Amino acid sequence: MRQKNGACHTGSYSCFGSGDKGFFLDDVYDVVEDRVLNPVEGSYTSRISCCEDSIKEKIREESLEVLSYTDRDNLVWEIADLAYFVMVMMAKKGITPRDVRNELWRRR
């Protein structure tokens, strides 16, 4: 499935910056963190981040969707959804991508 219109509540192509120009996961996290710390009216991220149980439910739902993927494209789609909701939980709890990278490095 390819995006045809804006995905952001503002009508922009993406809520996370300039679409495919120099896009990094840390950019996504920065926007998510900002929406959690500085709620914006109409922002799904701001709305869902208010309730930790809602975030947990979305992580649970998306995890099951990852496990029941139908093909590679669908798996990528579902992993992206899961990663987004994990980032919302991270931002809610003050955990940064650097914290996760450091933990993975420690385990190495």
PDB file of N, CA and C in Angstrom:
ATOM      1  N   MET A   1       0.847  -1.167   0.000  1.00  0.00           N
ATOM      2  CA  MET A   1       0.000   0.000   0.000  1.00  0.00           C
ATOM      3  C   MET A   1       0.905   1.248   0.000  1.00  0.00           C
ATOM      4  N   ARG A   2       0.726   2.123  -0.926  1.00  0.00           N
ATOM      5  CA  ARG A   2       1.499   3.359  -1.042  1.00  0.00           C
ATOM      6  C   ARG A   2       0.667   4.540  -0.576  1.00  0.00           C
ATOM      7  N   GLN A   3       1.314   5.447   0.129  1.00  0.00           N
ATOM      8  CA  GLN A   3       0.641   6.653   0.605  1.00  0.00           C
ATOM      9  C   GLN A   3       0.329   7.558  -0.572  1.00  0.00           C
ATOM     10  N   LYS A   4      -0.892   8.102  -0.601  1.00  0.00           N
ATOM     11  CA  LYS A   4      -1.298   8.979  -1.695  1.00  0.00           C
ATOM     12  C   LYS A   4      -1.426  10.432  -1.261  1.00  0.00           C
ATOM     13  N   ASN A   5      -1.749  10.670   0.000  1.00  0.00           N
ATOM     14  CA  ASN A   5      -1.960  12.025   0.514  1.00  0.00           C
ATOM     15  C   ASN A   5      -1.179  12.216   1.800  1.00  0.00           C
ATOM     16  N   GLY A   6      -1.414  13.346   2.439  1.00  0.00           N
ATOM     17  CA  GLY A   6      -0.761  13.627   3.705  1.00  0.00           C
ATOM     18  C   GLY A   6      -1.177  12.649   4.783  1.00  0.00           C
ATOM     19  N   ALA A   7      -0.225  12.277   5.630  1.00  0.00           N
ATOM     20  CA  ALA A   7      -0.497  11.351   6.730  1.00  0.00           C
ATOM     21  C   ALA A   7      -0.664  12.090   8.054  1.00  0.00           C
ATOM     22  N   CYS A   8      -0.129  13.272   8.145  1.00  0.00           N
ATOM     23  CA  CYS A   8      -0.152  14.039   9.387  1.00  0.00           C
ATOM     24  C   CYS A   8      -1.473  14.795   9.533  1.00  0.00           C
ATOM     25  N   HIS A   9      -1.844  15.057  10.783  1.00  0.00           N
ATOM     26  CA  HIS A   9      -3.078  15.808  11.025  1.00  0.00           C
ATOM     27  C   HIS A   9      -3.009  17.226  10.450  1.00  0.00           C
ATOM     28  N   THR A  10      -1.784  17.684  10.126  1.00  0.00           N
ATOM     29  CA  THR A  10      -1.616  19.016   9.539  1.00  0.00           C
ATOM     30  C   THR A  10      -1.769  18.995   8.021  1.00  0.00           C
ATOM     31  N   GLY A  11      -1.869  17.779   7.448  1.00  0.00           N
ATOM     32  CA  GLY A  11      -1.957  17.631   6.007  1.00  0.00           C
ATOM     33  C   GLY A  11      -0.604  17.390   5.351  1.00  0.00           C
ATOM     34  N   SER A  12       0.478  17.414   6.122  1.00  0.00           N
ATOM     35  CA  SER A  12       1.813  17.157   5.600  1.00  0.00           C
ATOM     36  C   SER A  12       1.961  15.698   5.195  1.00  0.00           C
ATOM     37  N   TYR A  13       2.923  15.429   4.340  1.00  0.00           N
ATOM     38  CA  TYR A  13       3.191  14.061   3.898  1.00  0.00           C
ATOM     39  C   TYR A  13       3.447  13.151   5.085  1.00  0.00           C
ATOM     40  N   SER A  14       4.206  13.649   6.062  1.00  0.00           N
ATOM     41  CA  SER A  14       4.574  12.838   7.224  1.00  0.00           C
ATOM     42  C   SER A  14       4.553  13.696   8.476  1.00  0.00           C
ATOM     43  N   CYS A  15       4.259  13.065   9.594  1.00  0.00           N
ATOM     44  CA  CYS A  15       4.334  13.756  10.883  1.00  0.00           C
ATOM     45  C   CYS A  15       5.787  13.874  11.338  1.00  0.00           C
ATOM     46  N   PHE A  16       6.677  13.175  10.669  1.00  0.00           N
ATOM     47  CA  PHE A  16       8.041  13.026  11.161  1.00  0.00           C
ATOM     48  C   PHE A  16       9.089  13.700  10.293  1.00  0.00           C
ATOM     49  N   GLY A  17       8.727  14.756   9.620  1.00  0.00           N
ATOM     50  CA  GLY A  17       9.734  15.471   8.859  1.00  0.00           C
ATOM     51  C   GLY A  17       9.448  15.489   7.376  1.00  0.00           C
ATOM     52  N   SER A  18      10.483  15.448   6.600  1.00  0.00           N
ATOM     53  CA  SER A  18      10.395  15.735   5.173  1.00  0.00           C
ATOM     54  C   SER A  18      10.192  14.509   4.288  1.00  0.00           C
ATOM     55  N   GLY A  19       9.453  13.529   4.747  1.00  0.00           N
ATOM     56  CA  GLY A  19       9.223  12.364   3.897  1.00  0.00           C
ATOM     57  C   GLY A  19      10.454  11.504   3.786  1.00  0.00           C
ATOM     58  N   ASP A  20      10.951  11.319   2.574  1.00  0.00           N
ATOM     59  CA  ASP A  20      12.079  10.411   2.388  1.00  0.00           C
ATOM     60  C   ASP A  20      13.422  11.125   2.286  1.00  0.00           C
ATOM     61  N   LYS A  21      13.506  12.394   2.642  1.00  0.00           N
ATOM     62  CA  LYS A  21      14.758  13.149   2.529  1.00  0.00           C
ATOM     63  C   LYS A  21      15.521  13.101   3.848  1.00  0.00           C
ATOM     64  N   GLY A  22      16.588  12.306   3.889  1.00  0.00           N
ATOM     65  CA  GLY A  22      17.419  12.247   5.077  1.00  0.00           C
ATOM     66  C   GLY A  22      16.652  11.823   6.320  1.00  0.00           C
ATOM     67  N   PHE A  23      15.838  10.827   6.198  1.00  0.00           N
ATOM     68  CA  PHE A  23      14.940  10.385   7.254  1.00  0.00           C
ATOM     69  C   PHE A  23      15.619   9.315   8.111  1.00  0.00           C
ATOM     70  N   PHE A  24      15.601   9.513   9.442  1.00  0.00           N
ATOM     71  CA  PHE A  24      16.215   8.575  10.373  1.00  0.00           C
ATOM     72  C   PHE A  24      15.230   8.244  11.482  1.00  0.00           C
ATOM     73  N   LEU A  25      15.358   7.067  12.078  1.00  0.00           N
ATOM     74  CA  LEU A  25      14.472   6.693  13.174  1.00  0.00           C
ATOM     75  C   LEU A  25      14.563   7.677  14.337  1.00  0.00           C
ATOM     76  N   ASP A  26      15.737   8.226  14.571  1.00  0.00           N
ATOM     77  CA  ASP A  26      15.861   9.234  15.634  1.00  0.00           C
ATOM     78  C   ASP A  26      14.981  10.447  15.341  1.00  0.00           C
ATOM     79  N   ASP A  27      14.766  10.769  14.059  1.00  0.00           N
ATOM     80  CA  ASP A  27      13.874  11.874  13.697  1.00  0.00           C
ATOM     81  C   ASP A  27      12.442  11.566  14.133  1.00  0.00           C
ATOM     82  N   VAL A  28      12.030  10.325  13.926  1.00  0.00           N
ATOM     83  CA  VAL A  28      10.692   9.908  14.346  1.00  0.00           C
ATOM     84  C   VAL A  28      10.582  10.053  15.863  1.00  0.00           C
ATOM     85  N   TYR A  29      11.583   9.541  16.564  1.00  0.00           N
ATOM     86  CA  TYR A  29      11.555   9.614  18.021  1.00  0.00           C
ATOM     87  C   TYR A  29      11.477  11.062  18.497  1.00  0.00           C
ATOM     88  N   ASP A  30      12.238  11.945  17.882  1.00  0.00           N
ATOM     89  CA  ASP A  30      12.229  13.354  18.298  1.00  0.00           C
ATOM     90  C   ASP A  30      10.833  13.963  18.187  1.00  0.00           C
ATOM     91  N   VAL A  31      10.127  13.654  17.114  1.00  0.00           N
ATOM     92  CA  VAL A  31       8.763  14.171  16.944  1.00  0.00           C
ATOM     93  C   VAL A  31       7.825  13.532  17.958  1.00  0.00           C
ATOM     94  N   VAL A  32       7.938  12.218  18.141  1.00  0.00           N
ATOM     95  CA  VAL A  32       7.102  11.525  19.122  1.00  0.00           C
ATOM     96  C   VAL A  32       7.329  12.110  20.509  1.00  0.00           C
ATOM     97  N   GLU A  33       8.589  12.263  20.879  1.00  0.00           N
ATOM     98  CA  GLU A  33       8.913  12.816  22.203  1.00  0.00           C
ATOM     99  C   GLU A  33       8.321  14.216  22.370  1.00  0.00           C
ATOM    100  N   ASP A  34       8.435  15.040  21.346  1.00  0.00           N
ATOM    101  CA  ASP A  34       7.881  16.391  21.418  1.00  0.00           C
ATOM    102  C   ASP A  34       6.363  16.356  21.598  1.00  0.00           C
ATOM    103  N   ARG A  35       5.679  15.457  20.891  1.00  0.00           N
ATOM    104  CA  ARG A  35       4.211  15.352  21.012  1.00  0.00           C
ATOM    105  C   ARG A  35       3.797  14.828  22.390  1.00  0.00           C
ATOM    106  N   VAL A  36       4.648  13.985  22.995  1.00  0.00           N
ATOM    107  CA  VAL A  36       4.359  13.481  24.333  1.00  0.00           C
ATOM    108  C   VAL A  36       4.572  14.588  25.370  1.00  0.00           C
ATOM    109  N   LEU A  37       5.675  15.311  25.244  1.00  0.00           N
ATOM    110  CA  LEU A  37       6.012  16.347  26.228  1.00  0.00           C
ATOM    111  C   LEU A  37       5.243  17.643  26.021  1.00  0.00           C
ATOM    112  N   ASN A  38       4.878  17.927  24.773  1.00  0.00           N
ATOM    113  CA  ASN A  38       4.171  19.164  24.423  1.00  0.00           C
ATOM    114  C   ASN A  38       2.964  18.815  23.562  1.00  0.00           C
ATOM    115  N   PRO A  39       1.907  18.302  24.180  1.00  0.00           N
ATOM    116  CA  PRO A  39       0.758  17.839  23.400  1.00  0.00           C
ATOM    117  C   PRO A  39       0.238  18.885  22.416  1.00  0.00           C
ATOM    118  N   VAL A  40      -0.153  18.393  21.240  1.00  0.00           N
ATOM    119  CA  VAL A  40      -0.674  19.223  20.163  1.00  0.00           C
ATOM    120  C   VAL A  40      -2.101  18.756  19.875  1.00  0.00           C
ATOM    121  N   GLU A  41      -3.026  19.686  19.841  1.00  0.00           N
ATOM    122  CA  GLU A  41      -4.416  19.342  19.549  1.00  0.00           C
ATOM    123  C   GLU A  41      -4.512  18.669  18.182  1.00  0.00           C
ATOM    124  N   GLY A  42      -5.228  17.573  18.127  1.00  0.00           N
ATOM    125  CA  GLY A  42      -5.411  16.850  16.878  1.00  0.00           C
ATOM    126  C   GLY A  42      -4.323  15.825  16.590  1.00  0.00           C
ATOM    127  N   SER A  43      -3.299  15.766  17.429  1.00  0.00           N
ATOM    128  CA  SER A  43      -2.205  14.820  17.218  1.00  0.00           C
ATOM    129  C   SER A  43      -2.556  13.473  17.850  1.00  0.00           C
ATOM    130  N   TYR A  44      -2.526  12.419  17.039  1.00  0.00           N
ATOM    131  CA  TYR A  44      -2.793  11.077  17.549  1.00  0.00           C
ATOM    132  C   TYR A  44      -1.754  10.701  18.605  1.00  0.00           C
ATOM    133  N   THR A  45      -0.494  11.031  18.355  1.00  0.00           N
ATOM    134  CA  THR A  45       0.570  10.711  19.301  1.00  0.00           C
ATOM    135  C   THR A  45       0.302  11.376  20.648  1.00  0.00           C
ATOM    136  N   SER A  46      -0.075  12.643  20.626  1.00  0.00           N
ATOM    137  CA  SER A  46      -0.381  13.342  21.882  1.00  0.00           C
ATOM    138  C   SER A  46      -1.553  12.681  22.597  1.00  0.00           C
ATOM    139  N   ARG A  47      -2.553  12.310  21.843  1.00  0.00           N
ATOM    140  CA  ARG A  47      -3.758  11.721  22.449  1.00  0.00           C
ATOM    141  C   ARG A  47      -3.468  10.357  23.069  1.00  0.00           C
ATOM    142  N   ILE A  48      -2.798   9.482  22.322  1.00  0.00           N
ATOM    143  CA  ILE A  48      -2.573   8.130  22.843  1.00  0.00           C
ATOM    144  C   ILE A  48      -1.560   8.126  23.981  1.00  0.00           C
ATOM    145  N   SER A  49      -0.645   9.072  23.990  1.00  0.00           N
ATOM    146  CA  SER A  49       0.396   9.080  25.017  1.00  0.00           C
ATOM    147  C   SER A  49      -0.126   9.476  26.393  1.00  0.00           C
ATOM    148  N   CYS A  50      -1.346   9.968  26.463  1.00  0.00           N
ATOM    149  CA  CYS A  50      -1.934  10.361  27.750  1.00  0.00           C
ATOM    150  C   CYS A  50      -2.230   9.160  28.640  1.00  0.00           C
ATOM    151  N   CYS A  51      -2.429   8.000  28.049  1.00  0.00           N
ATOM    152  CA  CYS A  51      -2.846   6.827  28.813  1.00  0.00           C
ATOM    153  C   CYS A  51      -1.892   5.663  28.539  1.00  0.00           C
ATOM    154  N   GLU A  52      -1.105   5.302  29.542  1.00  0.00           N
ATOM    155  CA  GLU A  52      -0.138   4.221  29.367  1.00  0.00           C
ATOM    156  C   GLU A  52      -0.814   2.908  28.987  1.00  0.00           C
ATOM    157  N   ASP A  53      -1.995   2.657  29.532  1.00  0.00           N
ATOM    158  CA  ASP A  53      -2.705   1.425  29.177  1.00  0.00           C
ATOM    159  C   ASP A  53      -3.061   1.395  27.687  1.00  0.00           C
ATOM    160  N   SER A  54      -3.381   2.553  27.117  1.00  0.00           N
ATOM    161  CA  SER A  54      -3.678   2.617  25.680  1.00  0.00           C
ATOM    162  C   SER A  54      -2.437   2.307  24.853  1.00  0.00           C
ATOM    163  N   ILE A  55      -1.303   2.806  25.293  1.00  0.00           N
ATOM    164  CA  ILE A  55      -0.048   2.521  24.588  1.00  0.00           C
ATOM    165  C   ILE A  55       0.244   1.024  24.662  1.00  0.00           C
ATOM    166  N   LYS A  56       0.103   0.445  25.843  1.00  0.00           N
ATOM    167  CA  LYS A  56       0.354  -0.992  26.017  1.00  0.00           C
ATOM    168  C   LYS A  56      -0.579  -1.816  25.129  1.00  0.00           C
ATOM    169  N   GLU A  57      -1.831  -1.426  25.062  1.00  0.00           N
ATOM    170  CA  GLU A  57      -2.786  -2.162  24.230  1.00  0.00           C
ATOM    171  C   GLU A  57      -2.384  -2.106  22.754  1.00  0.00           C
ATOM    172  N   LYS A  58      -1.921  -0.945  22.288  1.00  0.00           N
ATOM    173  CA  LYS A  58      -1.486  -0.824  20.889  1.00  0.00           C
ATOM    174  C   LYS A  58      -0.227  -1.663  20.647  1.00  0.00           C
ATOM    175  N   ILE A  59       0.694  -1.689  21.612  1.00  0.00           N
ATOM    176  CA  ILE A  59       1.897  -2.520  21.466  1.00  0.00           C
ATOM    177  C   ILE A  59       1.491  -3.991  21.386  1.00  0.00           C
ATOM    178  N   ARG A  60       0.569  -4.404  22.230  1.00  0.00           N
ATOM    179  CA  ARG A  60       0.069  -5.780  22.221  1.00  0.00           C
ATOM    180  C   ARG A  60      -0.579  -6.101  20.862  1.00  0.00           C
ATOM    181  N   GLU A  61      -1.444  -5.204  20.407  1.00  0.00           N
ATOM    182  CA  GLU A  61      -2.134  -5.397  19.133  1.00  0.00           C
ATOM    183  C   GLU A  61      -1.150  -5.485  17.974  1.00  0.00           C
ATOM    184  N   GLU A  62      -0.208  -4.554  17.922  1.00  0.00           N
ATOM    185  CA  GLU A  62       0.746  -4.533  16.817  1.00  0.00           C
ATOM    186  C   GLU A  62       1.689  -5.726  16.870  1.00  0.00           C
ATOM    187  N   SER A  63       2.034  -6.192  18.069  1.00  0.00           N
ATOM    188  CA  SER A  63       2.877  -7.389  18.193  1.00  0.00           C
ATOM    189  C   SER A  63       2.186  -8.592  17.574  1.00  0.00           C
ATOM    190  N   LEU A  64       0.898  -8.740  17.841  1.00  0.00           N
ATOM    191  CA  LEU A  64       0.137  -9.843  17.255  1.00  0.00           C
ATOM    192  C   LEU A  64       0.053  -9.712  15.735  1.00  0.00           C
ATOM    193  N   GLU A  65      -0.061  -8.484  15.250  1.00  0.00           N
ATOM    194  CA  GLU A  65      -0.104  -8.277  13.800  1.00  0.00           C
ATOM    195  C   GLU A  65       1.239  -8.600  13.152  1.00  0.00           C
ATOM    196  N   VAL A  66       2.346  -8.321  13.850  1.00  0.00           N
ATOM    197  CA  VAL A  66       3.661  -8.713  13.336  1.00  0.00           C
ATOM    198  C   VAL A  66       3.723 -10.237  13.222  1.00  0.00           C
ATOM    199  N   LEU A  67       3.214 -10.923  14.222  1.00  0.00           N
ATOM    200  CA  LEU A  67       3.275 -12.389  14.230  1.00  0.00           C
ATOM    201  C   LEU A  67       2.369 -13.026  13.185  1.00  0.00           C
ATOM    202  N   SER A  68       1.361 -12.304  12.732  1.00  0.00           N
ATOM    203  CA  SER A  68       0.437 -12.874  11.749  1.00  0.00           C
ATOM    204  C   SER A  68       0.534 -12.178  10.388  1.00  0.00           C
ATOM    205  N   TYR A  69       1.733 -11.692  10.073  1.00  0.00           N
ATOM    206  CA  TYR A  69       1.926 -10.994   8.794  1.00  0.00           C
ATOM    207  C   TYR A  69       1.586 -11.898   7.619  1.00  0.00           C
ATOM    208  N   THR A  70       1.259 -11.268   6.484  1.00  0.00           N
ATOM    209  CA  THR A  70       0.854 -12.028   5.298  1.00  0.00           C
ATOM    210  C   THR A  70       1.938 -12.117   4.223  1.00  0.00           C
ATOM    211  N   ASP A  71       2.789 -11.107   4.138  1.00  0.00           N
ATOM    212  CA  ASP A  71       3.891 -11.109   3.178  1.00  0.00           C
ATOM    213  C   ASP A  71       4.929 -10.099   3.655  1.00  0.00           C
ATOM    214  N   ARG A  72       6.011  -9.980   2.928  1.00  0.00           N
ATOM    215  CA  ARG A  72       7.109  -9.110   3.350  1.00  0.00           C
ATOM    216  C   ARG A  72       6.661  -7.659   3.527  1.00  0.00           C
ATOM    217  N   ASP A  73       5.927  -7.122   2.556  1.00  0.00           N
ATOM    218  CA  ASP A  73       5.468  -5.733   2.649  1.00  0.00           C
ATOM    219  C   ASP A  73       4.581  -5.527   3.868  1.00  0.00           C
ATOM    220  N   ASN A  74       3.704  -6.479   4.122  1.00  0.00           N
ATOM    221  CA  ASN A  74       2.839  -6.397   5.288  1.00  0.00           C
ATOM    222  C   ASN A  74       3.659  -6.475   6.574  1.00  0.00           C
ATOM    223  N   LEU A  75       4.686  -7.315   6.598  1.00  0.00           N
ATOM    224  CA  LEU A  75       5.552  -7.426   7.771  1.00  0.00           C
ATOM    225  C   LEU A  75       6.271  -6.107   8.037  1.00  0.00           C
ATOM    226  N   VAL A  76       6.798  -5.492   7.000  1.00  0.00           N
ATOM    227  CA  VAL A  76       7.454  -4.186   7.158  1.00  0.00           C
ATOM    228  C   VAL A  76       6.463  -3.180   7.729  1.00  0.00           C
ATOM    229  N   TRP A  77       5.247  -3.149   7.182  1.00  0.00           N
ATOM    230  CA  TRP A  77       4.195  -2.236   7.640  1.00  0.00           C
ATOM    231  C   TRP A  77       3.916  -2.439   9.127  1.00  0.00           C
ATOM    232  N   GLU A  78       3.747  -3.694   9.529  1.00  0.00           N
ATOM    233  CA  GLU A  78       3.403  -4.000  10.921  1.00  0.00           C
ATOM    234  C   GLU A  78       4.573  -3.725  11.866  1.00  0.00           C
ATOM    235  N   ILE A  79       5.797  -3.993  11.434  1.00  0.00           N
ATOM    236  CA  ILE A  79       6.966  -3.673  12.265  1.00  0.00           C
ATOM    237  C   ILE A  79       7.077  -2.165  12.456  1.00  0.00           C
ATOM    238  N   ALA A  80       6.790  -1.400  11.405  1.00  0.00           N
ATOM    239  CA  ALA A  80       6.813   0.066  11.524  1.00  0.00           C
ATOM    240  C   ALA A  80       5.773   0.536  12.545  1.00  0.00           C
ATOM    241  N   ASP A  81       4.567  -0.039  12.490  1.00  0.00           N
ATOM    242  CA  ASP A  81       3.543   0.312  13.478  1.00  0.00           C
ATOM    243  C   ASP A  81       4.008  -0.020  14.888  1.00  0.00           C
ATOM    244  N   LEU A  82       4.562  -1.211  15.066  1.00  0.00           N
ATOM    245  CA  LEU A  82       5.044  -1.629  16.383  1.00  0.00           C
ATOM    246  C   LEU A  82       6.150  -0.698  16.876  1.00  0.00           C
ATOM    247  N   ALA A  83       7.088  -0.373  15.994  1.00  0.00           N
ATOM    248  CA  ALA A  83       8.189   0.520  16.374  1.00  0.00           C
ATOM    249  C   ALA A  83       7.664   1.883  16.815  1.00  0.00           C
ATOM    250  N   TYR A  84       6.666   2.402  16.119  1.00  0.00           N
ATOM    251  CA  TYR A  84       6.070   3.688  16.483  1.00  0.00           C
ATOM    252  C   TYR A  84       5.505   3.644  17.903  1.00  0.00           C
ATOM    253  N   PHE A  85       4.706   2.626  18.209  1.00  0.00           N
ATOM    254  CA  PHE A  85       4.096   2.567  19.536  1.00  0.00           C
ATOM    255  C   PHE A  85       5.125   2.297  20.621  1.00  0.00           C
ATOM    256  N   VAL A  86       6.170   1.550  20.314  1.00  0.00           N
ATOM    257  CA  VAL A  86       7.263   1.370  21.273  1.00  0.00           C
ATOM    258  C   VAL A  86       7.944   2.718  21.522  1.00  0.00           C
ATOM    259  N   MET A  87       8.112   3.521  20.474  1.00  0.00           N
ATOM    260  CA  MET A  87       8.704   4.850  20.659  1.00  0.00           C
ATOM    261  C   MET A  87       7.819   5.745  21.515  1.00  0.00           C
ATOM    262  N   VAL A  88       6.512   5.632  21.356  1.00  0.00           N
ATOM    263  CA  VAL A  88       5.606   6.417  22.204  1.00  0.00           C
ATOM    264  C   VAL A  88       5.818   6.027  23.665  1.00  0.00           C
ATOM    265  N   MET A  89       5.916   4.711  23.941  1.00  0.00           N
ATOM    266  CA  MET A  89       6.158   4.263  25.322  1.00  0.00           C
ATOM    267  C   MET A  89       7.520   4.748  25.813  1.00  0.00           C
ATOM    268  N   MET A  90       8.519   4.666  24.953  1.00  0.00           N
ATOM    269  CA  MET A  90       9.850   5.141  25.329  1.00  0.00           C
ATOM    270  C   MET A  90       9.792   6.610  25.737  1.00  0.00           C
ATOM    271  N   ALA A  91       9.171   7.433  24.895  1.00  0.00           N
ATOM    272  CA  ALA A  91       9.092   8.868  25.180  1.00  0.00           C
ATOM    273  C   ALA A  91       8.307   9.120  26.463  1.00  0.00           C
ATOM    274  N   LYS A  92       7.247   8.374  26.662  1.00  0.00           N
ATOM    275  CA  LYS A  92       6.419   8.518  27.868  1.00  0.00           C
ATOM    276  C   LYS A  92       7.244   8.233  29.118  1.00  0.00           C
ATOM    277  N   LYS A  93       8.167   7.286  29.023  1.00  0.00           N
ATOM    278  CA  LYS A  93       8.977   6.872  30.169  1.00  0.00           C
ATOM    279  C   LYS A  93      10.367   7.524  30.205  1.00  0.00           C
ATOM    280  N   GLY A  94      10.637   8.434  29.267  1.00  0.00           N
ATOM    281  CA  GLY A  94      11.927   9.125  29.272  1.00  0.00           C
ATOM    282  C   GLY A  94      13.090   8.252  28.827  1.00  0.00           C
ATOM    283  N   ILE A  95      12.806   7.254  28.006  1.00  0.00           N
ATOM    284  CA  ILE A  95      13.841   6.375  27.466  1.00  0.00           C
ATOM    285  C   ILE A  95      14.144   6.836  26.047  1.00  0.00           C
ATOM    286  N   THR A  96      15.409   7.055  25.753  1.00  0.00           N
ATOM    287  CA  THR A  96      15.813   7.554  24.440  1.00  0.00           C
ATOM    288  C   THR A  96      16.370   6.431  23.566  1.00  0.00           C
ATOM    289  N   PRO A  97      16.428   6.661  22.246  1.00  0.00           N
ATOM    290  CA  PRO A  97      17.082   5.678  21.381  1.00  0.00           C
ATOM    291  C   PRO A  97      18.525   5.406  21.827  1.00  0.00           C
ATOM    292  N   ARG A  98      19.181   6.417  22.324  1.00  0.00           N
ATOM    293  CA  ARG A  98      20.549   6.233  22.824  1.00  0.00           C
ATOM    294  C   ARG A  98      20.576   5.236  23.980  1.00  0.00           C
ATOM    295  N   ASP A  99      19.582   5.314  24.879  1.00  0.00           N
ATOM    296  CA  ASP A  99      19.500   4.359  25.986  1.00  0.00           C
ATOM    297  C   ASP A  99      19.388   2.926  25.453  1.00  0.00           C
ATOM    298  N   VAL A 100      18.569   2.739  24.431  1.00  0.00           N
ATOM    299  CA  VAL A 100      18.375   1.409  23.859  1.00  0.00           C
ATOM    300  C   VAL A 100      19.651   0.957  23.151  1.00  0.00           C
ATOM    301  N   ARG A 101      20.261   1.855  22.377  1.00  0.00           N
ATOM    302  CA  ARG A 101      21.526   1.498  21.708  1.00  0.00           C
ATOM    303  C   ARG A 101      22.584   1.116  22.732  1.00  0.00           C
ATOM    304  N   ASN A 102      22.667   1.873  23.817  1.00  0.00           N
ATOM    305  CA  ASN A 102      23.656   1.558  24.857  1.00  0.00           C
ATOM    306  C   ASN A 102      23.392   0.203  25.491  1.00  0.00           C
ATOM    307  N   GLU A 103      22.137  -0.133  25.719  1.00  0.00           N
ATOM    308  CA  GLU A 103      21.798  -1.443  26.286  1.00  0.00           C
ATOM    309  C   GLU A 103      22.154  -2.567  25.308  1.00  0.00           C
ATOM    310  N   LEU A 104      21.867  -2.360  24.034  1.00  0.00           N
ATOM    311  CA  LEU A 104      22.231  -3.371  23.037  1.00  0.00           C
ATOM    312  C   LEU A 104      23.754  -3.506  22.940  1.00  0.00           C
ATOM    313  N   TRP A 105      24.461  -2.406  23.019  1.00  0.00           N
ATOM    314  CA  TRP A 105      25.925  -2.425  22.997  1.00  0.00           C
ATOM    315  C   TRP A 105      26.447  -3.188  24.218  1.00  0.00           C
ATOM    316  N   ARG A 106      25.849  -2.941  25.390  1.00  0.00           N
ATOM    317  CA  ARG A 106      26.272  -3.611  26.608  1.00  0.00           C
ATOM    318  C   ARG A 106      26.099  -5.118  26.468  1.00  0.00           C
ATOM    319  N   ARG A 107      25.022  -5.545  25.825  1.00  0.00           N
ATOM    320  CA  ARG A 107      24.739  -6.964  25.653  1.00  0.00           C
ATOM    321  C   ARG A 107      25.655  -7.617  24.638  1.00  0.00           C
ATOM    322  N   ARG A 108      26.251  -6.827  23.797  1.00  0.00           N
ATOM    323  CA  ARG A 108      27.119  -7.332  22.740  1.00  0.00           C
ATOM    324  C   ARG A 108      28.279  -8.033  23.361  1.00  0.00           C
TER     325      ARG A 108
END
